[in-house]
Every structure is written in structure tokens, then in C-alpha cells.
N, C-alpha and C. Protein backbone atom coordinates (compact mmCIF):
# COMPACT_ATOMS: atom_id res chain seq x y z
N MET A 1 -59.19 130.83 -16.55
CA MET A 1 -60.33 130.29 -17.26
C MET A 1 -60.09 128.80 -17.51
N SER A 2 -61.06 128.00 -17.20
CA SER A 2 -60.91 126.55 -17.36
C SER A 2 -61.03 126.14 -18.83
N GLU A 3 -60.66 124.91 -19.10
CA GLU A 3 -60.72 124.39 -20.47
C GLU A 3 -62.16 124.36 -20.99
N ASN A 4 -63.12 124.00 -20.13
CA ASN A 4 -64.53 123.98 -20.54
C ASN A 4 -65.04 125.37 -20.88
N GLN A 5 -64.62 126.36 -20.12
CA GLN A 5 -65.04 127.73 -20.39
C GLN A 5 -64.45 128.24 -21.70
N LYS A 6 -63.20 127.89 -21.97
CA LYS A 6 -62.56 128.28 -23.24
C LYS A 6 -63.28 127.64 -24.41
N LYS A 7 -63.62 126.36 -24.24
CA LYS A 7 -64.32 125.64 -25.31
C LYS A 7 -65.70 126.24 -25.54
N ALA A 8 -66.42 126.54 -24.46
CA ALA A 8 -67.74 127.14 -24.59
C ALA A 8 -67.67 128.53 -25.21
N SER A 9 -66.66 129.30 -24.83
CA SER A 9 -66.49 130.63 -25.39
C SER A 9 -66.19 130.58 -26.89
N ALA A 10 -65.32 129.66 -27.30
CA ALA A 10 -65.00 129.50 -28.72
C ALA A 10 -66.23 129.03 -29.49
N TYR A 11 -66.99 128.13 -28.88
CA TYR A 11 -68.22 127.62 -29.50
C TYR A 11 -69.20 128.76 -29.78
N TRP A 12 -69.45 129.60 -28.77
CA TRP A 12 -70.41 130.68 -28.94
C TRP A 12 -69.90 131.77 -29.87
N LYS A 13 -68.60 131.98 -29.86
CA LYS A 13 -68.03 132.97 -30.79
C LYS A 13 -68.26 132.53 -32.23
N GLU A 14 -68.03 131.25 -32.51
CA GLU A 14 -68.25 130.73 -33.86
C GLU A 14 -69.74 130.71 -34.21
N ASN A 15 -70.58 130.39 -33.23
CA ASN A 15 -72.03 130.39 -33.43
C ASN A 15 -72.52 131.78 -33.80
N VAL A 16 -72.08 132.79 -33.09
CA VAL A 16 -72.50 134.17 -33.37
C VAL A 16 -71.99 134.62 -34.73
N LYS A 17 -70.80 134.18 -35.11
CA LYS A 17 -70.26 134.51 -36.43
C LYS A 17 -71.18 133.95 -37.52
N TYR A 18 -71.59 132.69 -37.37
CA TYR A 18 -72.52 132.09 -38.33
C TYR A 18 -73.84 132.86 -38.39
N LEU A 19 -74.35 133.24 -37.22
CA LEU A 19 -75.61 133.97 -37.19
C LEU A 19 -75.51 135.30 -37.94
N PHE A 20 -74.45 136.05 -37.69
CA PHE A 20 -74.29 137.33 -38.37
C PHE A 20 -74.16 137.16 -39.88
N ILE A 21 -73.41 136.15 -40.32
CA ILE A 21 -73.25 135.92 -41.75
C ILE A 21 -74.59 135.56 -42.39
N LEU A 22 -75.33 134.64 -41.78
CA LEU A 22 -76.60 134.21 -42.35
C LEU A 22 -77.65 135.33 -42.32
N LEU A 23 -77.67 136.09 -41.24
CA LEU A 23 -78.61 137.22 -41.19
C LEU A 23 -78.23 138.31 -42.18
N ALA A 24 -76.94 138.50 -42.43
CA ALA A 24 -76.51 139.47 -43.44
C ALA A 24 -76.96 139.03 -44.83
N ILE A 25 -76.84 137.73 -45.12
CA ILE A 25 -77.32 137.22 -46.41
C ILE A 25 -78.82 137.46 -46.55
N TRP A 26 -79.56 137.15 -45.49
CA TRP A 26 -81.01 137.35 -45.56
C TRP A 26 -81.36 138.83 -45.73
N PHE A 27 -80.65 139.71 -45.03
CA PHE A 27 -80.89 141.15 -45.16
C PHE A 27 -80.61 141.62 -46.58
N ILE A 28 -79.49 141.17 -47.14
CA ILE A 28 -79.14 141.59 -48.50
C ILE A 28 -80.18 141.13 -49.49
N VAL A 29 -80.64 139.90 -49.33
CA VAL A 29 -81.65 139.37 -50.26
C VAL A 29 -82.99 140.08 -50.07
N SER A 30 -83.44 140.21 -48.83
CA SER A 30 -84.77 140.78 -48.61
C SER A 30 -84.79 142.29 -48.83
N TYR A 31 -83.83 143.01 -48.30
CA TYR A 31 -83.82 144.47 -48.44
C TYR A 31 -83.20 144.90 -49.76
N GLY A 32 -82.06 144.28 -50.09
CA GLY A 32 -81.37 144.67 -51.31
C GLY A 32 -82.14 144.30 -52.56
N ALA A 33 -82.46 143.01 -52.70
CA ALA A 33 -83.14 142.55 -53.91
C ALA A 33 -84.59 143.02 -53.96
N GLY A 34 -85.24 143.11 -52.82
CA GLY A 34 -86.66 143.48 -52.80
C GLY A 34 -86.90 144.98 -52.85
N ILE A 35 -85.92 145.80 -52.44
CA ILE A 35 -86.13 147.24 -52.37
C ILE A 35 -85.08 148.01 -53.16
N LEU A 36 -83.80 147.85 -52.80
CA LEU A 36 -82.75 148.66 -53.40
C LEU A 36 -82.53 148.36 -54.88
N PHE A 37 -82.48 147.09 -55.23
CA PHE A 37 -82.19 146.71 -56.61
C PHE A 37 -83.44 146.28 -57.37
N LYS A 38 -84.60 146.66 -56.87
CA LYS A 38 -85.88 146.26 -57.45
C LYS A 38 -86.00 146.68 -58.91
N ASP A 39 -85.65 147.91 -59.20
CA ASP A 39 -85.81 148.41 -60.57
C ASP A 39 -84.92 147.66 -61.56
N ALA A 40 -83.70 147.37 -61.16
CA ALA A 40 -82.80 146.61 -62.04
C ALA A 40 -83.30 145.18 -62.21
N LEU A 41 -83.80 144.59 -61.15
CA LEU A 41 -84.29 143.21 -61.22
C LEU A 41 -85.61 143.09 -61.96
N ASP A 42 -86.37 144.18 -62.02
CA ASP A 42 -87.66 144.13 -62.70
C ASP A 42 -87.53 143.94 -64.21
N THR A 43 -86.33 144.09 -64.75
CA THR A 43 -86.14 143.85 -66.18
C THR A 43 -86.14 142.35 -66.50
N ILE A 44 -86.00 141.52 -65.46
CA ILE A 44 -86.01 140.05 -65.62
C ILE A 44 -87.35 139.53 -65.11
N ARG A 45 -87.90 138.56 -65.82
CA ARG A 45 -89.17 137.97 -65.40
C ARG A 45 -88.96 136.54 -64.93
N LEU A 46 -89.71 136.16 -63.88
CA LEU A 46 -89.66 134.80 -63.33
C LEU A 46 -91.10 134.34 -63.14
N GLY A 47 -91.51 133.35 -63.91
CA GLY A 47 -92.88 132.84 -63.81
C GLY A 47 -93.92 133.89 -64.17
N GLY A 48 -93.58 134.79 -65.07
CA GLY A 48 -94.52 135.82 -65.48
C GLY A 48 -94.50 137.07 -64.61
N PHE A 49 -93.75 137.05 -63.53
CA PHE A 49 -93.67 138.20 -62.63
C PHE A 49 -92.30 138.84 -62.72
N LYS A 50 -92.24 140.12 -62.47
CA LYS A 50 -90.96 140.81 -62.44
C LYS A 50 -90.14 140.28 -61.27
N LEU A 51 -88.83 140.10 -61.49
CA LEU A 51 -87.97 139.48 -60.48
C LEU A 51 -87.88 140.31 -59.20
N GLY A 52 -87.89 141.63 -59.30
CA GLY A 52 -87.89 142.47 -58.10
C GLY A 52 -89.13 142.25 -57.26
N PHE A 53 -90.28 142.16 -57.91
CA PHE A 53 -91.53 141.88 -57.21
C PHE A 53 -91.48 140.49 -56.57
N TRP A 54 -90.94 139.51 -57.33
CA TRP A 54 -90.86 138.14 -56.81
C TRP A 54 -90.01 138.09 -55.55
N PHE A 55 -88.84 138.75 -55.55
CA PHE A 55 -87.99 138.76 -54.36
C PHE A 55 -88.68 139.44 -53.19
N ALA A 56 -89.38 140.51 -53.45
CA ALA A 56 -90.07 141.22 -52.36
C ALA A 56 -91.19 140.38 -51.77
N GLN A 57 -91.87 139.58 -52.60
CA GLN A 57 -93.02 138.83 -52.12
C GLN A 57 -92.69 137.40 -51.71
N GLN A 58 -91.82 136.73 -52.45
CA GLN A 58 -91.58 135.31 -52.20
C GLN A 58 -90.12 134.97 -51.95
N GLY A 59 -89.23 135.58 -52.70
CA GLY A 59 -87.82 135.21 -52.68
C GLY A 59 -87.18 135.28 -51.32
N SER A 60 -87.45 136.35 -50.59
CA SER A 60 -86.81 136.49 -49.27
C SER A 60 -87.31 135.42 -48.30
N ILE A 61 -88.54 134.99 -48.46
CA ILE A 61 -89.08 133.93 -47.61
C ILE A 61 -88.40 132.61 -47.93
N TYR A 62 -88.25 132.31 -49.22
CA TYR A 62 -87.56 131.08 -49.62
C TYR A 62 -86.12 131.08 -49.14
N VAL A 63 -85.45 132.20 -49.30
CA VAL A 63 -84.05 132.30 -48.85
C VAL A 63 -83.98 132.09 -47.34
N PHE A 64 -84.92 132.65 -46.60
CA PHE A 64 -84.94 132.48 -45.15
C PHE A 64 -85.08 131.01 -44.77
N VAL A 65 -85.97 130.29 -45.44
CA VAL A 65 -86.17 128.87 -45.14
C VAL A 65 -84.90 128.08 -45.47
N VAL A 66 -84.26 128.38 -46.60
CA VAL A 66 -83.01 127.71 -46.96
C VAL A 66 -81.93 128.01 -45.91
N LEU A 67 -81.87 129.26 -45.45
CA LEU A 67 -80.88 129.64 -44.45
C LEU A 67 -81.11 128.91 -43.12
N ILE A 68 -82.35 128.59 -42.80
CA ILE A 68 -82.63 127.81 -41.59
C ILE A 68 -81.97 126.43 -41.71
N PHE A 69 -82.12 125.78 -42.87
CA PHE A 69 -81.51 124.47 -43.07
C PHE A 69 -79.99 124.57 -43.07
N VAL A 70 -79.45 125.63 -43.66
CA VAL A 70 -78.00 125.84 -43.64
C VAL A 70 -77.52 126.01 -42.21
N TYR A 71 -78.26 126.78 -41.41
CA TYR A 71 -77.89 127.00 -40.01
C TYR A 71 -77.91 125.68 -39.22
N VAL A 72 -78.90 124.86 -39.45
CA VAL A 72 -78.98 123.57 -38.76
C VAL A 72 -77.77 122.71 -39.12
N ARG A 73 -77.42 122.69 -40.39
CA ARG A 73 -76.24 121.91 -40.83
C ARG A 73 -74.96 122.45 -40.19
N LEU A 74 -74.80 123.77 -40.21
CA LEU A 74 -73.61 124.38 -39.61
C LEU A 74 -73.54 124.09 -38.11
N MET A 75 -74.67 124.16 -37.43
CA MET A 75 -74.67 123.93 -36.00
C MET A 75 -74.39 122.46 -35.67
N ASN A 76 -74.86 121.54 -36.49
CA ASN A 76 -74.55 120.13 -36.27
C ASN A 76 -73.05 119.89 -36.39
N LYS A 77 -72.43 120.52 -37.40
CA LYS A 77 -70.98 120.39 -37.55
C LYS A 77 -70.25 121.04 -36.38
N LEU A 78 -70.75 122.20 -35.95
CA LEU A 78 -70.12 122.91 -34.84
C LEU A 78 -70.25 122.11 -33.54
N ASP A 79 -71.40 121.51 -33.32
CA ASP A 79 -71.60 120.67 -32.13
C ASP A 79 -70.62 119.51 -32.11
N LYS A 80 -70.44 118.87 -33.26
CA LYS A 80 -69.49 117.76 -33.33
C LYS A 80 -68.06 118.25 -33.10
N LYS A 81 -67.73 119.39 -33.66
CA LYS A 81 -66.38 119.94 -33.54
C LYS A 81 -66.00 120.18 -32.08
N TYR A 82 -66.96 120.69 -31.29
CA TYR A 82 -66.68 121.03 -29.90
C TYR A 82 -67.15 119.96 -28.91
N GLY A 83 -67.68 118.85 -29.43
CA GLY A 83 -68.07 117.75 -28.55
C GLY A 83 -69.41 117.94 -27.86
N TYR A 84 -70.29 118.75 -28.41
CA TYR A 84 -71.61 118.97 -27.82
C TYR A 84 -72.70 118.15 -28.50
N ASP A 85 -72.32 117.29 -29.45
CA ASP A 85 -73.34 116.49 -30.12
C ASP A 85 -73.83 115.38 -29.20
N GLU A 86 -75.00 114.86 -29.54
CA GLU A 86 -75.63 113.85 -28.68
C GLU A 86 -75.05 112.48 -28.89
């Protein structure tokens, strides 16, 4: 295996690791907070709405948008680390 192939393989391995971590966070927030822990979260109110309802309707979307920006930042660092930046 050439040096470029090793570098590309390490790059994609790290990229996939980031994807799984970020998707796991989104899953936990959207499924866990919006469905599994809804009853416990409903005891807290946010802006007049129960927190479980808020996560099910809005929170998971906000978390997803934040995770997109986190992913962009992580990928920019990863690109620089492996020399793929512009």
C-alpha cells in the first residue's frame, strides 16, 4: 500500500468516526429526548412549553443544525491534518 493510500485510508477512517459520533448525538437527542425521556423532561418548561414536547418539535432540529457546523469545523481540521485543504 502506498503512502497516499495509507493517508487516504486514515483520513476516511477518522471521517467515518466523526460521522458516527455526531449521528449518535443526534439520535440520542431526537429519539431519546423526544420520545424515551419525554415524560421526565415534561416536568421542565421552556418558553411555556414542556421540554419533552420542545425537543420533539424543535430541539432535535436545532441540534442537527449545530452538528452540521461542528462537522464542518471538524472536517476543516481533518483536511488540514492530512493535507487536503485548499
